[in-house]
Amino acid sequence: MAPKRRPSKTSNKPDELPPLRVSTEPTPHPRRDPHDRLMKRFYEPLVLQHVLGSTRGDHIPRPPPADVQDAEELDGISLRRDFLDKLAFVCDYEKGGATVTAIALQQTPAAVILWVGANEDVKSKVKPFLEIILSSLETLRSKPAESVIKEAENGIFRRAVEF
């Protein structure tokens, strides 16, 4: 059942609503009004979402995980994502599901920056661990012999287990 409308004071027609009055006077205490407080809580996140929405670009869908033994089967993006996910998993060394660690790469003209983030403080031993791992990987850039690759793999594995 529809609510009954009161007739307007300016008209004798029963279905006509009174004109909407908008006050241009400032509210004496805007922070005391619950509606204003609620709107202020959502303003900053909405602005952030709007700004980020226009700069993030298209999402690159991730293929379903597959245990691929040969790196040649993975493309560059998948290989990089897989490496960063596994490195972040090792850096999140505490048991339980309360902590999360993420790692991202940023390409700058001067260098590649590795960003590490966590929902809690990044532990002090994570940075030295990553420096050791990345310096070990740096030695593999010049296409070394198979024995050097095996030695680096064993060293990285040993350090990850000790970590």
N, C-alpha and C. Protein backbone atom coordinates (compact mmCIF):
# COMPACT_ATOMS: atom_id res chain seq x y z
N MET A 1 0.84 -1.17 0.00
CA MET A 1 0.00 0.00 0.00
C MET A 1 0.89 1.23 0.00
N ALA A 2 0.65 2.14 -0.90
CA ALA A 2 1.44 3.37 -1.03
C ALA A 2 1.08 4.34 0.08
N PRO A 3 2.09 5.08 0.60
CA PRO A 3 1.78 6.05 1.65
C PRO A 3 0.97 7.20 1.09
N LYS A 4 0.10 7.74 1.92
CA LYS A 4 -0.73 8.86 1.51
C LYS A 4 0.10 10.13 1.55
N ARG A 5 -0.06 10.93 0.52
CA ARG A 5 0.66 12.19 0.45
C ARG A 5 -0.25 13.31 0.94
N ARG A 6 0.36 14.19 1.70
CA ARG A 6 -0.41 15.34 2.18
C ARG A 6 -0.50 16.38 1.08
N PRO A 7 -1.61 17.05 0.99
CA PRO A 7 -1.73 18.09 -0.03
C PRO A 7 -0.81 19.25 0.28
N SER A 8 -0.32 19.88 -0.77
CA SER A 8 0.56 21.03 -0.64
C SER A 8 -0.22 22.23 -0.14
N LYS A 9 0.45 23.08 0.61
CA LYS A 9 -0.20 24.29 1.10
C LYS A 9 -0.40 25.30 -0.01
N THR A 10 0.37 25.17 -1.08
CA THR A 10 0.26 26.12 -2.18
C THR A 10 -0.70 25.65 -3.26
N SER A 11 -1.15 24.42 -3.16
CA SER A 11 -2.03 23.89 -4.19
C SER A 11 -3.14 23.09 -3.55
N ASN A 12 -4.22 22.98 -4.22
CA ASN A 12 -5.33 22.19 -3.72
C ASN A 12 -5.30 20.77 -4.25
N LYS A 13 -4.33 20.45 -5.10
CA LYS A 13 -4.24 19.11 -5.66
C LYS A 13 -3.68 18.17 -4.60
N PRO A 14 -4.33 17.03 -4.33
CA PRO A 14 -3.87 16.14 -3.26
C PRO A 14 -2.59 15.38 -3.59
N ASP A 15 -2.25 15.15 -4.86
CA ASP A 15 -1.07 14.34 -5.21
C ASP A 15 0.20 15.16 -5.42
N GLU A 16 0.16 16.44 -5.27
CA GLU A 16 1.33 17.28 -5.52
C GLU A 16 2.14 17.44 -4.24
N LEU A 17 3.44 17.20 -4.34
CA LEU A 17 4.33 17.32 -3.18
C LEU A 17 4.80 18.76 -3.03
N PRO A 18 5.10 19.18 -1.80
CA PRO A 18 5.60 20.54 -1.62
C PRO A 18 6.99 20.66 -2.25
N PRO A 19 7.37 21.87 -2.67
CA PRO A 19 8.70 22.04 -3.27
C PRO A 19 9.80 21.74 -2.26
N LEU A 20 10.88 21.18 -2.75
CA LEU A 20 12.02 20.83 -1.91
C LEU A 20 12.78 22.10 -1.56
N ARG A 21 13.01 22.29 -0.28
CA ARG A 21 13.76 23.47 0.16
C ARG A 21 15.17 23.04 0.53
N VAL A 22 16.16 23.68 -0.08
CA VAL A 22 17.55 23.40 0.22
C VAL A 22 18.12 24.58 0.97
N SER A 23 18.65 24.30 2.15
CA SER A 23 19.20 25.36 2.97
C SER A 23 20.65 25.60 2.58
N THR A 24 21.00 26.85 2.38
CA THR A 24 22.39 27.20 2.06
C THR A 24 23.14 27.67 3.30
N GLU A 25 22.46 27.67 4.43
CA GLU A 25 23.11 28.08 5.67
C GLU A 25 24.02 26.97 6.15
N PRO A 26 25.20 27.31 6.66
CA PRO A 26 26.09 26.26 7.17
C PRO A 26 25.52 25.62 8.43
N THR A 27 25.81 24.34 8.58
CA THR A 27 25.38 23.63 9.77
C THR A 27 26.23 24.13 10.94
N PRO A 28 25.61 24.40 12.09
CA PRO A 28 26.39 24.95 13.19
C PRO A 28 27.50 24.01 13.67
N HIS A 29 27.24 22.73 13.71
CA HIS A 29 28.23 21.76 14.18
C HIS A 29 28.21 20.56 13.23
N PRO A 30 28.95 20.62 12.11
CA PRO A 30 28.87 19.55 11.12
C PRO A 30 29.36 18.20 11.64
N ARG A 31 30.28 18.19 12.59
CA ARG A 31 30.80 16.91 13.08
C ARG A 31 29.82 16.21 14.02
N ARG A 32 28.83 16.93 14.50
CA ARG A 32 27.86 16.32 15.40
C ARG A 32 26.73 15.62 14.65
N ASP A 33 26.56 15.98 13.40
CA ASP A 33 25.52 15.36 12.60
C ASP A 33 25.98 13.96 12.20
N PRO A 34 25.24 12.91 12.58
CA PRO A 34 25.68 11.54 12.27
C PRO A 34 25.83 11.29 10.77
N HIS A 35 24.97 11.87 9.97
CA HIS A 35 25.07 11.68 8.52
C HIS A 35 26.36 12.29 7.97
N ASP A 36 26.70 13.49 8.43
CA ASP A 36 27.94 14.14 7.98
C ASP A 36 29.17 13.33 8.40
N ARG A 37 29.15 12.81 9.62
CA ARG A 37 30.28 11.99 10.08
C ARG A 37 30.43 10.75 9.22
N LEU A 38 29.30 10.13 8.89
CA LEU A 38 29.34 8.93 8.06
C LEU A 38 29.87 9.25 6.66
N MET A 39 29.44 10.35 6.10
CA MET A 39 29.90 10.73 4.77
C MET A 39 31.40 11.04 4.77
N LYS A 40 31.90 11.66 5.82
CA LYS A 40 33.33 11.97 5.90
C LYS A 40 34.16 10.69 6.00
N ARG A 41 33.64 9.66 6.63
CA ARG A 41 34.37 8.40 6.74
C ARG A 41 34.59 7.76 5.38
N PHE A 42 33.65 7.92 4.47
CA PHE A 42 33.74 7.27 3.16
C PHE A 42 34.37 8.16 2.10
N TYR A 43 34.56 9.41 2.36
CA TYR A 43 35.06 10.32 1.33
C TYR A 43 36.48 9.96 0.88
N GLU A 44 37.41 9.82 1.81
CA GLU A 44 38.80 9.54 1.45
C GLU A 44 38.96 8.20 0.73
N PRO A 45 38.32 7.10 1.22
CA PRO A 45 38.46 5.85 0.46
C PRO A 45 37.88 5.93 -0.95
N LEU A 46 36.79 6.68 -1.12
CA LEU A 46 36.22 6.81 -2.46
C LEU A 46 37.14 7.59 -3.39
N VAL A 47 37.76 8.63 -2.88
CA VAL A 47 38.70 9.40 -3.69
C VAL A 47 39.89 8.52 -4.06
N LEU A 48 40.41 7.77 -3.10
CA LEU A 48 41.53 6.87 -3.37
C LEU A 48 41.16 5.83 -4.42
N GLN A 49 39.98 5.25 -4.30
CA GLN A 49 39.55 4.26 -5.28
C GLN A 49 39.42 4.89 -6.66
N HIS A 50 38.90 6.08 -6.72
CA HIS A 50 38.76 6.76 -8.01
C HIS A 50 40.13 7.03 -8.65
N VAL A 51 41.06 7.52 -7.85
CA VAL A 51 42.39 7.84 -8.36
C VAL A 51 43.11 6.58 -8.80
N LEU A 52 43.07 5.54 -7.99
CA LEU A 52 43.76 4.30 -8.35
C LEU A 52 43.10 3.61 -9.52
N GLY A 53 41.79 3.72 -9.62
CA GLY A 53 41.08 3.06 -10.71
C GLY A 53 41.51 3.54 -12.07
N SER A 54 41.91 4.79 -12.18
CA SER A 54 42.28 5.32 -13.49
C SER A 54 43.75 5.11 -13.82
N THR A 55 44.55 4.64 -12.88
CA THR A 55 45.99 4.51 -13.14
C THR A 55 46.49 3.08 -13.10
N ARG A 56 45.71 2.16 -12.63
CA ARG A 56 46.21 0.81 -12.46
C ARG A 56 46.36 0.04 -13.76
N GLY A 57 45.58 0.35 -14.74
CA GLY A 57 45.67 -0.39 -15.99
C GLY A 57 44.89 -1.69 -15.90
N ASP A 58 44.98 -2.47 -16.96
CA ASP A 58 44.25 -3.73 -17.01
C ASP A 58 44.92 -4.77 -16.13
N HIS A 59 44.09 -5.60 -15.52
CA HIS A 59 44.60 -6.70 -14.71
C HIS A 59 45.10 -7.80 -15.64
N ILE A 60 46.25 -8.34 -15.31
CA ILE A 60 46.80 -9.43 -16.11
C ILE A 60 46.38 -10.72 -15.43
N PRO A 61 45.47 -11.48 -16.04
CA PRO A 61 44.99 -12.69 -15.37
C PRO A 61 46.11 -13.70 -15.21
N ARG A 62 46.04 -14.40 -14.11
CA ARG A 62 47.06 -15.39 -13.80
C ARG A 62 46.57 -16.76 -14.24
N PRO A 63 47.39 -17.50 -14.96
CA PRO A 63 46.96 -18.84 -15.36
C PRO A 63 46.89 -19.74 -14.14
N PRO A 64 46.12 -20.80 -14.23
CA PRO A 64 46.04 -21.71 -13.08
C PRO A 64 47.42 -22.28 -12.76
N PRO A 65 47.72 -22.43 -11.46
CA PRO A 65 49.05 -22.92 -11.09
C PRO A 65 49.31 -24.32 -11.62
N ALA A 66 50.48 -24.50 -12.10
CA ALA A 66 50.90 -25.82 -12.59
C ALA A 66 52.32 -26.05 -12.11
N ASP A 67 52.60 -27.24 -11.71
CA ASP A 67 53.95 -27.56 -11.28
C ASP A 67 54.81 -27.80 -12.52
N VAL A 68 55.43 -26.74 -12.96
CA VAL A 68 56.26 -26.80 -14.16
C VAL A 68 57.71 -26.91 -13.71
N GLN A 69 58.38 -27.94 -14.15
CA GLN A 69 59.77 -28.15 -13.77
C GLN A 69 60.72 -27.36 -14.65
N ASP A 70 60.33 -27.11 -15.88
CA ASP A 70 61.20 -26.45 -16.84
C ASP A 70 60.79 -24.99 -16.97
N ALA A 71 61.71 -24.07 -16.69
CA ALA A 71 61.42 -22.64 -16.76
C ALA A 71 61.12 -22.19 -18.18
N GLU A 72 61.53 -22.96 -19.18
CA GLU A 72 61.28 -22.60 -20.57
C GLU A 72 59.79 -22.63 -20.90
N GLU A 73 59.01 -23.41 -20.13
CA GLU A 73 57.58 -23.52 -20.39
C GLU A 73 56.81 -22.31 -19.88
N LEU A 74 57.40 -21.51 -19.02
CA LEU A 74 56.73 -20.33 -18.47
C LEU A 74 57.13 -19.09 -19.23
N ASP A 75 56.19 -18.17 -19.40
CA ASP A 75 56.56 -16.89 -20.01
C ASP A 75 57.17 -16.00 -18.93
N GLY A 76 57.69 -14.85 -19.32
CA GLY A 76 58.41 -13.97 -18.39
C GLY A 76 57.57 -13.50 -17.21
N ILE A 77 56.32 -13.10 -17.47
CA ILE A 77 55.46 -12.60 -16.40
C ILE A 77 55.14 -13.71 -15.41
N SER A 78 54.78 -14.88 -15.92
CA SER A 78 54.45 -16.00 -15.03
C SER A 78 55.65 -16.43 -14.20
N LEU A 79 56.81 -16.46 -14.83
CA LEU A 79 58.03 -16.85 -14.13
C LEU A 79 58.36 -15.86 -13.01
N ARG A 80 58.24 -14.58 -13.31
CA ARG A 80 58.52 -13.54 -12.31
C ARG A 80 57.51 -13.61 -11.16
N ARG A 81 56.22 -13.76 -11.49
CA ARG A 81 55.20 -13.86 -10.44
C ARG A 81 55.42 -15.08 -9.56
N ASP A 82 55.72 -16.19 -10.19
CA ASP A 82 55.94 -17.42 -9.43
C ASP A 82 57.14 -17.26 -8.50
N PHE A 83 58.22 -16.67 -9.00
CA PHE A 83 59.41 -16.43 -8.18
C PHE A 83 59.08 -15.52 -7.00
N LEU A 84 58.39 -14.41 -7.25
CA LEU A 84 58.07 -13.47 -6.17
C LEU A 84 57.12 -14.08 -5.15
N ASP A 85 56.14 -14.87 -5.62
CA ASP A 85 55.23 -15.53 -4.68
C ASP A 85 55.97 -16.50 -3.77
N LYS A 86 56.88 -17.27 -4.35
CA LYS A 86 57.61 -18.25 -3.54
C LYS A 86 58.60 -17.56 -2.60
N LEU A 87 59.19 -16.48 -3.05
CA LEU A 87 60.10 -15.72 -2.19
C LEU A 87 59.33 -15.10 -1.02
N ALA A 88 58.14 -14.57 -1.29
CA ALA A 88 57.30 -14.00 -0.23
C ALA A 88 56.86 -15.09 0.74
N PHE A 89 56.58 -16.28 0.22
CA PHE A 89 56.18 -17.39 1.09
C PHE A 89 57.30 -17.74 2.06
N VAL A 90 58.54 -17.76 1.58
CA VAL A 90 59.68 -18.07 2.44
C VAL A 90 59.88 -16.95 3.47
N CYS A 91 59.67 -15.70 3.06
CA CYS A 91 59.86 -14.57 3.99
C CYS A 91 58.79 -14.52 5.08
N ASP A 92 57.66 -15.14 4.83
CA ASP A 92 56.60 -15.20 5.84
C ASP A 92 56.80 -16.49 6.63
N TYR A 93 57.80 -16.49 7.48
CA TYR A 93 58.29 -17.72 8.10
C TYR A 93 57.54 -18.12 9.37
N GLU A 94 56.64 -17.30 9.89
CA GLU A 94 55.94 -17.67 11.12
C GLU A 94 54.81 -18.64 10.80
N LYS A 95 54.63 -19.62 11.68
CA LYS A 95 53.56 -20.59 11.49
C LYS A 95 52.22 -19.93 11.72
N GLY A 96 51.21 -20.40 11.02
CA GLY A 96 49.86 -19.87 11.20
C GLY A 96 49.48 -18.94 10.06
N GLY A 97 48.20 -18.62 10.00
CA GLY A 97 47.71 -17.80 8.90
C GLY A 97 47.51 -16.34 9.23
N ALA A 98 48.03 -15.86 10.35
CA ALA A 98 47.79 -14.48 10.75
C ALA A 98 48.67 -13.48 10.00
N THR A 99 49.78 -13.92 9.46
CA THR A 99 50.69 -12.98 8.78
C THR A 99 50.68 -13.23 7.27
N VAL A 100 50.89 -12.15 6.54
CA VAL A 100 50.96 -12.22 5.08
C VAL A 100 52.12 -11.35 4.63
N THR A 101 52.90 -11.84 3.71
CA THR A 101 54.00 -11.07 3.14
C THR A 101 53.83 -11.04 1.62
N ALA A 102 54.09 -9.89 1.03
CA ALA A 102 54.01 -9.75 -0.42
C ALA A 102 55.27 -9.06 -0.92
N ILE A 103 55.68 -9.41 -2.12
CA ILE A 103 56.87 -8.82 -2.72
C ILE A 103 56.50 -8.36 -4.13
N ALA A 104 56.96 -7.17 -4.47
CA ALA A 104 56.70 -6.62 -5.81
C ALA A 104 57.99 -6.02 -6.36
N LEU A 105 58.05 -5.93 -7.67
CA LEU A 105 59.20 -5.33 -8.36
C LEU A 105 58.79 -4.00 -8.97
N GLN A 106 59.71 -3.05 -8.92
CA GLN A 106 59.50 -1.76 -9.59
C GLN A 106 60.71 -1.48 -10.46
N GLN A 107 60.47 -1.27 -11.73
CA GLN A 107 61.54 -0.94 -12.66
C GLN A 107 61.69 0.57 -12.72
N THR A 108 62.88 1.06 -12.40
CA THR A 108 63.19 2.49 -12.51
C THR A 108 64.34 2.63 -13.51
N PRO A 109 64.60 3.82 -13.99
CA PRO A 109 65.73 3.99 -14.91
C PRO A 109 67.07 3.59 -14.29
N ALA A 110 67.19 3.77 -12.97
CA ALA A 110 68.46 3.48 -12.31
C ALA A 110 68.61 2.02 -11.92
N ALA A 111 67.52 1.39 -11.47
CA ALA A 111 67.63 0.03 -10.94
C ALA A 111 66.25 -0.60 -10.84
N VAL A 112 66.26 -1.87 -10.45
CA VAL A 112 65.02 -2.57 -10.14
C VAL A 112 64.90 -2.57 -8.62
N ILE A 113 63.75 -2.12 -8.12
CA ILE A 113 63.53 -2.03 -6.68
C ILE A 113 62.62 -3.17 -6.26
N LEU A 114 63.00 -3.85 -5.20
CA LEU A 114 62.22 -4.94 -4.64
C LEU A 114 61.47 -4.39 -3.43
N TRP A 115 60.14 -4.37 -3.49
CA TRP A 115 59.32 -3.88 -2.38
C TRP A 115 58.81 -5.07 -1.59
N VAL A 116 58.95 -5.01 -0.27
CA VAL A 116 58.47 -6.06 0.61
C VAL A 116 57.46 -5.45 1.55
N GLY A 117 56.29 -6.05 1.63
CA GLY A 117 55.25 -5.56 2.52
C GLY A 117 54.66 -6.71 3.32
N ALA A 118 54.18 -6.39 4.50
CA ALA A 118 53.56 -7.39 5.36
C ALA A 118 52.44 -6.74 6.14
N ASN A 119 51.47 -7.56 6.59
CA ASN A 119 50.39 -7.00 7.38
C ASN A 119 50.85 -6.70 8.80
N GLU A 120 51.99 -7.20 9.17
CA GLU A 120 52.66 -6.82 10.40
C GLU A 120 54.02 -6.26 9.96
N ASP A 121 54.80 -5.78 10.89
CA ASP A 121 56.11 -5.24 10.52
C ASP A 121 56.95 -6.31 9.81
N VAL A 122 57.67 -5.88 8.80
CA VAL A 122 58.60 -6.79 8.14
C VAL A 122 59.72 -7.06 9.14
N LYS A 123 59.93 -8.31 9.43
CA LYS A 123 60.91 -8.69 10.45
C LYS A 123 62.32 -8.27 10.03
N SER A 124 63.14 -7.98 11.04
CA SER A 124 64.49 -7.46 10.78
C SER A 124 65.38 -8.45 10.04
N LYS A 125 65.13 -9.73 10.18
CA LYS A 125 66.00 -10.70 9.51
C LYS A 125 65.60 -10.96 8.05
N VAL A 126 64.47 -10.40 7.61
CA VAL A 126 64.03 -10.60 6.22
C VAL A 126 64.96 -9.87 5.25
N LYS A 127 65.32 -8.63 5.56
CA LYS A 127 66.16 -7.86 4.63
C LYS A 127 67.52 -8.51 4.39
N PRO A 128 68.27 -8.90 5.44
CA PRO A 128 69.56 -9.58 5.18
C PRO A 128 69.39 -10.89 4.40
N PHE A 129 68.31 -11.63 4.70
CA PHE A 129 68.05 -12.87 3.99
C PHE A 129 67.85 -12.60 2.50
N LEU A 130 67.02 -11.60 2.17
CA LEU A 130 66.77 -11.27 0.77
C LEU A 130 68.03 -10.78 0.08
N GLU A 131 68.85 -10.01 0.78
CA GLU A 131 70.09 -9.52 0.18
C GLU A 131 71.01 -10.68 -0.18
N ILE A 132 71.10 -11.68 0.70
CA ILE A 132 71.94 -12.85 0.43
C ILE A 132 71.40 -13.64 -0.76
N ILE A 133 70.08 -13.87 -0.76
CA ILE A 133 69.46 -14.64 -1.85
C ILE A 133 69.65 -13.92 -3.19
N LEU A 134 69.39 -12.62 -3.20
CA LEU A 134 69.50 -11.87 -4.46
C LEU A 134 70.95 -11.75 -4.94
N SER A 135 71.89 -11.66 -4.01
CA SER A 135 73.29 -11.62 -4.44
C SER A 135 73.71 -12.98 -4.99
N SER A 136 73.16 -14.06 -4.43
CA SER A 136 73.45 -15.40 -4.99
C SER A 136 72.89 -15.52 -6.40
N LEU A 137 71.71 -14.97 -6.62
CA LEU A 137 71.11 -15.01 -7.95
C LEU A 137 71.85 -14.11 -8.93
N GLU A 138 72.42 -13.03 -8.42
CA GLU A 138 73.17 -12.10 -9.27
C GLU A 138 74.36 -12.80 -9.93
N THR A 139 74.96 -13.75 -9.22
CA THR A 139 76.11 -14.47 -9.78
C THR A 139 75.71 -15.33 -10.98
N LEU A 140 74.42 -15.61 -11.12
CA LEU A 140 73.95 -16.47 -12.20
C LEU A 140 73.59 -15.70 -13.47
N ARG A 141 73.72 -14.39 -13.46
CA ARG A 141 73.32 -13.57 -14.61
C ARG A 141 74.17 -13.81 -15.85
N SER A 142 75.41 -14.17 -15.68
CA SER A 142 76.32 -14.29 -16.83
C SER A 142 76.37 -15.70 -17.41
N LYS A 143 75.30 -16.46 -17.26
CA LYS A 143 75.20 -17.82 -17.80
C LYS A 143 76.39 -18.69 -17.39
N PRO A 144 76.50 -18.98 -16.10
CA PRO A 144 77.64 -19.77 -15.62
C PRO A 144 77.50 -21.25 -15.96
N ALA A 145 78.52 -21.98 -15.61
CA ALA A 145 78.53 -23.42 -15.85
C ALA A 145 77.48 -24.10 -14.99
N GLU A 146 77.13 -25.32 -15.38
CA GLU A 146 76.10 -26.08 -14.67
C GLU A 146 76.48 -26.32 -13.21
N SER A 147 77.76 -26.52 -12.93
CA SER A 147 78.20 -26.76 -11.55
C SER A 147 77.97 -25.52 -10.68
N VAL A 148 78.17 -24.32 -11.24
CA VAL A 148 77.95 -23.08 -10.49
C VAL A 148 76.46 -22.90 -10.21
N ILE A 149 75.62 -23.26 -11.17
CA ILE A 149 74.17 -23.17 -10.98
C ILE A 149 73.73 -24.11 -9.88
N LYS A 150 74.21 -25.35 -9.90
CA LYS A 150 73.86 -26.33 -8.87
C LYS A 150 74.31 -25.86 -7.49
N GLU A 151 75.50 -25.29 -7.43
CA GLU A 151 76.03 -24.79 -6.15
C GLU A 151 75.16 -23.64 -5.63
N ALA A 152 74.73 -22.75 -6.52
CA ALA A 152 73.87 -21.64 -6.11
C ALA A 152 72.51 -22.15 -5.65
N GLU A 153 71.95 -23.13 -6.36
CA GLU A 153 70.67 -23.71 -5.96
C GLU A 153 70.76 -24.32 -4.57
N ASN A 154 71.82 -25.08 -4.33
CA ASN A 154 71.99 -25.71 -3.02
C ASN A 154 72.18 -24.67 -1.92
N GLY A 155 72.95 -23.61 -2.22
CA GLY A 155 73.16 -22.55 -1.23
C GLY A 155 71.88 -21.81 -0.90
N ILE A 156 71.08 -21.50 -1.92
CA ILE A 156 69.81 -20.81 -1.68
C ILE A 156 68.86 -21.70 -0.90
N PHE A 157 68.80 -22.97 -1.26
CA PHE A 157 67.93 -23.90 -0.54
C PHE A 157 68.35 -24.00 0.93
N ARG A 158 69.65 -24.13 1.17
CA ARG A 158 70.16 -24.25 2.54
C ARG A 158 69.81 -22.99 3.36
N ARG A 159 70.01 -21.82 2.76
CA ARG A 159 69.70 -20.57 3.47
C ARG A 159 68.21 -20.43 3.75
N ALA A 160 67.38 -20.87 2.80
CA ALA A 160 65.93 -20.80 3.00
C ALA A 160 65.49 -21.71 4.14
N VAL A 161 66.09 -22.90 4.23
CA VAL A 161 65.74 -23.82 5.32
C VAL A 161 66.22 -23.26 6.65
N GLU A 162 67.42 -22.69 6.69
CA GLU A 162 67.94 -22.10 7.93
C GLU A 162 67.14 -20.88 8.36
N PHE A 163 66.59 -20.17 7.40
CA PHE A 163 65.85 -18.95 7.68
C PHE A 163 64.61 -19.28 8.48
